[in-house]
C-alpha atoms as a PDB file:
ATOM      1  CA  UNK A   1       0.000   0.000   0.000  1.00  0.00           C
ATOM      2  CA  UNK A   2       2.876   2.292   0.816  1.00  0.00           C
ATOM      3  CA  UNK A   3       4.409   1.673  -2.608  1.00  0.00           C
ATOM      4  CA  UNK A   4       1.094   2.440  -4.324  1.00  0.00           C
ATOM      5  CA  UNK A   5       0.623   5.656  -2.344  1.00  0.00           C
ATOM      6  CA  UNK A   6       4.155   6.739  -3.202  1.00  0.00           C
ATOM      7  CA  UNK A   7       3.559   6.014  -6.876  1.00  0.00           C
ATOM      8  CA  UNK A   8       0.271   7.966  -6.858  1.00  0.00           C
ATOM      9  CA  UNK A   9       1.945  10.986  -5.249  1.00  0.00           C
ATOM     10  CA  UNK A  10       4.876  10.790  -7.662  1.00  0.00           C
ATOM     11  CA  UNK A  11       2.592  10.586 -10.702  1.00  0.00           C
ATOM     12  CA  UNK A  12       0.400  13.452  -9.474  1.00  0.00           C
ATOM     13  CA  UNK A  13       3.336  15.741  -8.728  1.00  0.00           C
ATOM     14  CA  UNK A  14       4.957  14.877 -12.055  1.00  0.00           C
ATOM     15  CA  UNK A  15       1.826  15.728 -14.042  1.00  0.00           C
ATOM     16  CA  UNK A  16       1.063  18.797 -11.922  1.00  0.00           C
ATOM     17  CA  UNK A  17       4.532  20.242 -12.487  1.00  0.00           C
ATOM     18  CA  UNK A  18       4.185  19.916 -16.276  1.00  0.00           C
ATOM     19  CA  UNK A  19       0.466  20.717 -16.741  1.00  0.00           C
ATOM     20  CA  UNK A  20       0.360  23.276 -13.917  1.00  0.00           C
ATOM     21  CA  UNK A  21      -3.287  24.427 -13.864  1.00  0.00           C
ATOM     22  CA  UNK A  22      -2.432  27.518 -11.824  1.00  0.00           C
ATOM     23  CA  UNK A  23       0.043  28.905 -14.342  1.00  0.00           C
ATOM     24  CA  UNK A  24      -2.103  27.821 -17.307  1.00  0.00           C
ATOM     25  CA  UNK A  25      -5.239  29.574 -16.038  1.00  0.00           C
ATOM     26  CA  UNK A  26      -4.093  33.097 -17.050  1.00  0.00           C
ATOM     27  CA  UNK A  27      -3.079  31.710 -20.438  1.00  0.00           C
ATOM     28  CA  UNK A  28      -6.537  30.173 -20.834  1.00  0.00           C
ATOM     29  CA  UNK A  29      -8.142  33.504 -19.896  1.00  0.00           C
ATOM     30  CA  UNK A  30      -6.060  35.263 -22.530  1.00  0.00           C
ATOM     31  CA  UNK A  31      -7.006  32.680 -25.174  1.00  0.00           C
ATOM     32  CA  UNK A  32     -10.722  33.059 -24.424  1.00  0.00           C
ATOM     33  CA  UNK A  33     -10.709  36.831 -23.964  1.00  0.00           C
ATOM     34  CA  UNK A  34     -13.978  38.313 -25.285  1.00  0.00           C
ATOM     35  CA  UNK A  35     -15.793  34.972 -25.429  1.00  0.00           C
ATOM     36  CA  UNK A  36     -19.092  34.441 -23.636  1.00  0.00           C
ATOM     37  CA  UNK A  37     -19.256  32.362 -20.462  1.00  0.00           C
ATOM     38  CA  UNK A  38     -20.865  29.452 -22.325  1.00  0.00           C
ATOM     39  CA  UNK A  39     -18.170  29.444 -25.026  1.00  0.00           C
ATOM     40  CA  UNK A  40     -15.434  29.723 -22.401  1.00  0.00           C
ATOM     41  CA  UNK A  41     -16.809  26.702 -20.558  1.00  0.00           C
ATOM     42  CA  UNK A  42     -17.158  24.788 -23.831  1.00  0.00           C
ATOM     43  CA  UNK A  43     -13.543  25.562 -24.792  1.00  0.00           C
ATOM     44  CA  UNK A  44     -12.327  24.448 -21.358  1.00  0.00           C
ATOM     45  CA  UNK A  45     -14.372  21.245 -21.474  1.00  0.00           C
ATOM     46  CA  UNK A  46     -13.383  20.299 -25.019  1.00  0.00           C
ATOM     47  CA  UNK A  47      -9.723  21.154 -24.499  1.00  0.00           C
ATOM     48  CA  UNK A  48      -9.426  19.116 -21.306  1.00  0.00           C
ATOM     49  CA  UNK A  49     -11.346  16.142 -22.729  1.00  0.00           C
ATOM     50  CA  UNK A  50      -9.088  16.138 -25.782  1.00  0.00           C
ATOM     51  CA  UNK A  51      -5.995  16.406 -23.591  1.00  0.00           C
ATOM     52  CA  UNK A  52      -7.208  13.445 -21.512  1.00  0.00           C
ATOM     53  CA  UNK A  53      -7.897  11.425 -24.661  1.00  0.00           C
ATOM     54  CA  UNK A  54      -4.450  12.188 -26.088  1.00  0.00           C
ATOM     55  CA  UNK A  55      -2.670  11.234 -22.870  1.00  0.00           C
ATOM     56  CA  UNK A  56      -4.781   8.073 -22.559  1.00  0.00           C
ATOM     57  CA  UNK A  57      -3.840   6.939 -26.067  1.00  0.00           C
ATOM     58  CA  UNK A  58      -0.139   7.581 -25.535  1.00  0.00           C
ATOM     59  CA  UNK A  59      -0.169   5.996 -22.071  1.00  0.00           C
ATOM     60  CA  UNK A  60      -1.575   2.815 -23.597  1.00  0.00           C
ATOM     61  CA  UNK A  61       0.335   2.724 -26.900  1.00  0.00           C
ATOM     62  CA  UNK A  62       2.740   5.653 -26.976  1.00  0.00           C
ATOM     63  CA  UNK A  63       5.942   3.827 -27.849  1.00  0.00           C
ATOM     64  CA  UNK A  64       4.198   1.806 -30.564  1.00  0.00           C
ATOM     65  CA  UNK A  65       2.741   4.982 -32.125  1.00  0.00           C
ATOM     66  CA  UNK A  66       6.136   6.654 -32.366  1.00  0.00           C
ATOM     67  CA  UNK A  67       7.649   3.521 -33.937  1.00  0.00           C
ATOM     68  CA  UNK A  68       4.846   3.158 -36.498  1.00  0.00           C
ATOM     69  CA  UNK A  69       5.173   6.726 -37.774  1.00  0.00           C
ATOM     70  CA  UNK A  70       8.938   6.874 -37.403  1.00  0.00           C
ATOM     71  CA  UNK A  71       8.680   9.960 -35.189  1.00  0.00           C
ATOM     72  CA  UNK A  72      11.275  10.695 -32.574  1.00  0.00           C
ATOM     73  CA  UNK A  73      10.404  12.539 -29.384  1.00  0.00           C
ATOM     74  CA  UNK A  74      12.925  15.337 -30.175  1.00  0.00           C
ATOM     75  CA  UNK A  75      11.081  16.145 -33.418  1.00  0.00           C
ATOM     76  CA  UNK A  76       7.765  16.112 -31.559  1.00  0.00           C
ATOM     77  CA  UNK A  77       9.152  18.478 -28.933  1.00  0.00           C
ATOM     78  CA  UNK A  78      10.607  20.900 -31.509  1.00  0.00           C
ATOM     79  CA  UNK A  79       7.349  21.036 -33.491  1.00  0.00           C
ATOM     80  CA  UNK A  80       5.324  21.755 -30.359  1.00  0.00           C
ATOM     81  CA  UNK A  81       7.804  24.415 -29.286  1.00  0.00           C
ATOM     82  CA  UNK A  82       7.598  26.242 -32.606  1.00  0.00           C
ATOM     83  CA  UNK A  83       3.801  26.291 -32.415  1.00  0.00           C
ATOM     84  CA  UNK A  84       3.819  27.722 -28.878  1.00  0.00           C
ATOM     85  CA  UNK A  85       6.465  30.278 -29.881  1.00  0.00           C
ATOM     86  CA  UNK A  86       4.350  31.488 -32.815  1.00  0.00           C
ATOM     87  CA  UNK A  87       1.264  31.930 -30.641  1.00  0.00           C
ATOM     88  CA  UNK A  88       3.265  33.724 -27.957  1.00  0.00           C
ATOM     89  CA  UNK A  89       4.769  36.073 -30.541  1.00  0.00           C
ATOM     90  CA  UNK A  90       1.325  37.192 -31.711  1.00  0.00           C
ATOM     91  CA  UNK A  91       0.075  37.590 -28.137  1.00  0.00           C
ATOM     92  CA  UNK A  92       3.017  39.820 -27.190  1.00  0.00           C
ATOM     93  CA  UNK A  93       2.097  42.083 -30.109  1.00  0.00           C
ATOM     94  CA  UNK A  94      -1.481  42.254 -28.864  1.00  0.00           C
ATOM     95  CA  UNK A  95      -2.677  40.284 -31.874  1.00  0.00           C
ATOM     96  CA  UNK A  96      -4.466  36.974 -32.234  1.00  0.00           C
ATOM     97  CA  UNK A  97      -2.902  34.254 -34.299  1.00  0.00           C
ATOM     98  CA  UNK A  98      -5.155  32.146 -36.512  1.00  0.00           C
ATOM     99  CA  UNK A  99      -4.627  29.323 -34.024  1.00  0.00           C
ATOM    100  CA  UNK A 100      -5.562  31.401 -31.022  1.00  0.00           C
ATOM    101  CA  UNK A 101      -8.596  33.115 -32.513  1.00  0.00           C
ATOM    102  CA  UNK A 102      -9.824  31.828 -35.884  1.00  0.00           C
ATOM    103  CA  UNK A 103     -12.582  34.405 -36.188  1.00  0.00           C
ATOM    104  CA  UNK A 104     -11.712  37.389 -38.371  1.00  0.00           C
ATOM    105  CA  UNK A 105     -13.273  40.822 -38.144  1.00  0.00           C
ATOM    106  CA  UNK A 106     -16.401  41.187 -40.275  1.00  0.00           C
ATOM    107  CA  UNK A 107     -17.102  37.458 -40.271  1.00  0.00           C
ATOM    108  CA  UNK A 108     -20.207  36.052 -38.562  1.00  0.00           C
ATOM    109  CA  UNK A 109     -19.749  34.574 -35.103  1.00  0.00           C
ATOM    110  CA  UNK A 110     -18.688  30.962 -35.559  1.00  0.00           C
ATOM    111  CA  UNK A 111     -18.968  28.826 -32.435  1.00  0.00           C
ATOM    112  CA  UNK A 112     -17.048  25.954 -34.004  1.00  0.00           C
ATOM    113  CA  UNK A 113     -14.301  28.387 -34.986  1.00  0.00           C
ATOM    114  CA  UNK A 114     -14.091  29.603 -31.392  1.00  0.00           C
ATOM    115  CA  UNK A 115     -13.905  26.013 -30.162  1.00  0.00           C
ATOM    116  CA  UNK A 116     -10.984  25.292 -32.491  1.00  0.00           C
ATOM    117  CA  UNK A 117      -8.675  26.911 -29.927  1.00  0.00           C
ATOM    118  CA  UNK A 118      -9.593  24.055 -27.568  1.00  0.00           C
ATOM    119  CA  UNK A 119      -7.744  21.735 -29.933  1.00  0.00           C
ATOM    120  CA  UNK A 120      -4.734  23.971 -30.478  1.00  0.00           C
ATOM    121  CA  UNK A 121      -3.095  25.447 -28.532  1.00  0.00           C
ATOM    122  CA  UNK A 122      -5.072  24.393 -25.426  1.00  0.00           C
ATOM    123  CA  UNK A 123      -5.269  20.595 -25.671  1.00  0.00           C
ATOM    124  CA  UNK A 124      -2.123  20.326 -27.792  1.00  0.00           C
ATOM    125  CA  UNK A 125       0.528  21.395 -26.945  1.00  0.00           C
ATOM    126  CA  UNK A 126      -0.271  23.303 -23.711  1.00  0.00           C
ATOM    127  CA  UNK A 127      -2.102  20.598 -21.722  1.00  0.00           C
ATOM    128  CA  UNK A 128      -1.024  17.454 -23.546  1.00  0.00           C
ATOM    129  CA  UNK A 129       2.347  18.569 -24.843  1.00  0.00           C
ATOM    130  CA  UNK A 130       5.525  16.527 -25.332  1.00  0.00           C
ATOM    131  CA  UNK A 131       6.399  16.720 -21.641  1.00  0.00           C
ATOM    132  CA  UNK A 132       2.975  15.465 -20.524  1.00  0.00           C
ATOM    133  CA  UNK A 133       2.981  12.688 -23.118  1.00  0.00           C
ATOM    134  CA  UNK A 134       6.497  11.599 -22.164  1.00  0.00           C
ATOM    135  CA  UNK A 135       5.548  11.585 -18.480  1.00  0.00           C
ATOM    136  CA  UNK A 136       2.468   9.488 -19.210  1.00  0.00           C
ATOM    137  CA  UNK A 137       4.489   6.949 -21.179  1.00  0.00           C
ATOM    138  CA  UNK A 138       7.147   6.691 -18.464  1.00  0.00           C
ATOM    139  CA  UNK A 139       4.685   6.321 -15.574  1.00  0.00           C
ATOM    140  CA  UNK A 140       2.385   3.831 -17.319  1.00  0.00           C
ATOM    141  CA  UNK A 141       5.066   1.443 -18.575  1.00  0.00           C
ATOM    142  CA  UNK A 142       5.681  -1.769 -16.668  1.00  0.00           C
ATOM    143  CA  UNK A 143       2.344  -3.126 -15.436  1.00  0.00           C
ATOM    144  CA  UNK A 144      -1.422  -2.770 -15.670  1.00  0.00           C
ATOM    145  CA  UNK A 145      -1.542  -1.241 -12.184  1.00  0.00           C
ATOM    146  CA  UNK A 146       0.884   1.501 -13.210  1.00  0.00           C
ATOM    147  CA  UNK A 147      -1.208   2.217 -16.317  1.00  0.00           C
ATOM    148  CA  UNK A 148      -4.474   2.436 -14.349  1.00  0.00           C
ATOM    149  CA  UNK A 149      -2.887   4.629 -11.685  1.00  0.00           C
ATOM    150  CA  UNK A 150      -1.454   6.989 -14.275  1.00  0.00           C
ATOM    151  CA  UNK A 151      -4.768   7.371 -16.124  1.00  0.00           C
ATOM    152  CA  UNK A 152      -6.811   7.909 -12.930  1.00  0.00           C
ATOM    153  CA  UNK A 153      -4.362  10.464 -11.516  1.00  0.00           C
ATOM    154  CA  UNK A 154      -4.315  12.377 -14.789  1.00  0.00           C
ATOM    155  CA  UNK A 155      -8.127  12.368 -14.830  1.00  0.00           C
ATOM    156  CA  UNK A 156      -8.168  13.927 -11.354  1.00  0.00           C
ATOM    157  CA  UNK A 157      -5.732  16.591 -12.491  1.00  0.00           C
ATOM    158  CA  UNK A 158      -7.916  17.302 -15.543  1.00  0.00           C
ATOM    159  CA  UNK A 159     -10.899  17.917 -13.243  1.00  0.00           C
ATOM    160  CA  UNK A 160      -8.815  20.297 -11.113  1.00  0.00           C
ATOM    161  CA  UNK A 161      -7.653  22.103 -14.244  1.00  0.00           C
ATOM    162  CA  UNK A 162     -11.220  22.474 -15.521  1.00  0.00           C
ATOM    163  CA  UNK A 163     -12.317  24.046 -12.230  1.00  0.00           C
ATOM    164  CA  UNK A 164      -9.375  26.465 -12.351  1.00  0.00           C
ATOM    165  CA  UNK A 165     -10.247  27.466 -15.926  1.00  0.00           C
ATOM    166  CA  UNK A 166     -13.981  27.896 -15.330  1.00  0.00           C
ATOM    167  CA  UNK A 167     -13.758  29.877 -12.096  1.00  0.00           C
ATOM    168  CA  UNK A 168     -10.708  31.761 -13.292  1.00  0.00           C
ATOM    169  CA  UNK A 169     -12.878  33.621 -15.812  1.00  0.00           C
ATOM    170  CA  UNK A 170     -14.276  35.695 -12.936  1.00  0.00           C
ATOM    171  CA  UNK A 171     -10.960  37.552 -12.909  1.00  0.00           C
ATOM    172  CA  UNK A 172     -11.885  39.119 -16.236  1.00  0.00           C
ATOM    173  CA  UNK A 173     -14.647  41.160 -14.625  1.00  0.00           C
ATOM    174  CA  UNK A 174     -12.219  42.651 -12.117  1.00  0.00           C
ATOM    175  CA  UNK A 175      -9.313  43.213 -14.495  1.00  0.00           C
ATOM    176  CA  UNK A 176     -11.203  44.859 -17.354  1.00  0.00           C
ATOM    177  CA  UNK A 177      -9.988  45.197 -20.940  1.00  0.00           C
ATOM    178  CA  UNK A 178      -6.744  46.975 -20.021  1.00  0.00           C
ATOM    179  CA  UNK A 179      -5.885  44.403 -17.386  1.00  0.00           C
ATOM    180  CA  UNK A 180      -6.544  41.571 -19.810  1.00  0.00           C
ATOM    181  CA  UNK A 181      -4.386  43.337 -22.386  1.00  0.00           C
ATOM    182  CA  UNK A 182      -1.506  43.327 -19.922  1.00  0.00           C
ATOM    183  CA  UNK A 183      -2.118  39.653 -19.099  1.00  0.00           C
ATOM    184  CA  UNK A 184      -2.294  38.782 -22.794  1.00  0.00           C
ATOM    185  CA  UNK A 185       1.114  40.314 -23.483  1.00  0.00           C
ATOM    186  CA  UNK A 186       2.656  38.871 -20.327  1.00  0.00           C
ATOM    187  CA  UNK A 187       1.337  35.392 -21.060  1.00  0.00           C
ATOM    188  CA  UNK A 188       2.488  35.788 -24.651  1.00  0.00           C
ATOM    189  CA  UNK A 189       6.003  36.431 -23.393  1.00  0.00           C
ATOM    190  CA  UNK A 190       5.804  33.405 -21.118  1.00  0.00           C
ATOM    191  CA  UNK A 191       4.447  31.260 -23.951  1.00  0.00           C
ATOM    192  CA  UNK A 192       7.244  32.411 -26.243  1.00  0.00           C
ATOM    193  CA  UNK A 193       9.799  31.502 -23.577  1.00  0.00           C
ATOM    194  CA  UNK A 194       8.157  28.099 -23.091  1.00  0.00           C
ATOM    195  CA  UNK A 195       8.258  27.539 -26.846  1.00  0.00           C
ATOM    196  CA  UNK A 196      11.951  28.435 -27.036  1.00  0.00           C
ATOM    197  CA  UNK A 197      12.708  26.101 -24.121  1.00  0.00           C
ATOM    198  CA  UNK A 198      10.819  23.274 -25.820  1.00  0.00           C
ATOM    199  CA  UNK A 199      12.840  23.801 -28.998  1.00  0.00           C
ATOM    200  CA  UNK A 200      16.085  23.844 -26.989  1.00  0.00           C
ATOM    201  CA  UNK A 201      15.089  20.630 -25.195  1.00  0.00           C
ATOM    202  CA  UNK A 202      14.226  18.975 -28.492  1.00  0.00           C
ATOM    203  CA  UNK A 203      17.501  19.987 -30.141  1.00  0.00           C
ATOM    204  CA  UNK A 204      19.464  18.878 -27.066  1.00  0.00           C
ATOM    205  CA  UNK A 205      17.794  15.451 -27.074  1.00  0.00           C
ATOM    206  CA  UNK A 206      18.386  15.175 -30.812  1.00  0.00           C
ATOM    207  CA  UNK A 207      22.113  15.904 -30.432  1.00  0.00           C
ATOM    208  CA  UNK A 208      22.456  13.432 -27.583  1.00  0.00           C
ATOM    209  CA  UNK A 209      20.589  10.657 -29.371  1.00  0.00           C
END
């Protein structure tokens, strides 16, 4: 029992450190700035469900998937880093990239277009990025008990993240448009830095492989 408890704590802390819901909440608020409460909740729900599905698939068959497609983890990390860097660059400039906000001025309101941001960048690569996928593969390898523990712990963390995202939107009312503008640029800078770090990690792993 002690070994199981230790494994559960280790898995939870590992996932929490990578998919930190506290630090990702301001980023989520910036991504959904201007959206209605219902759309914001829908984006959070879809993004987290997709992230859970992605992690579940890779926890069960991650190594086999990489072998089938001939993809190395360094390439996966570099690609994710470049995507995050691009989004962060646009956010720092106070603009919305096509990934962050597909709707263009003058176009009718498109709910599905708004929900696209739940797929990218929210679900992939922010919530279920290379680090999260790698962690899931490492923790779930070895036995059925390890796989079940990893999936259940990640599900709990997804629920915590959803609550942080949904109730975090209340900050928008207190911050106002100027406050959200500051957060958007600050989170853009952080995203850009995260993207650069992901690229560096990918290149480093590629050189060492």
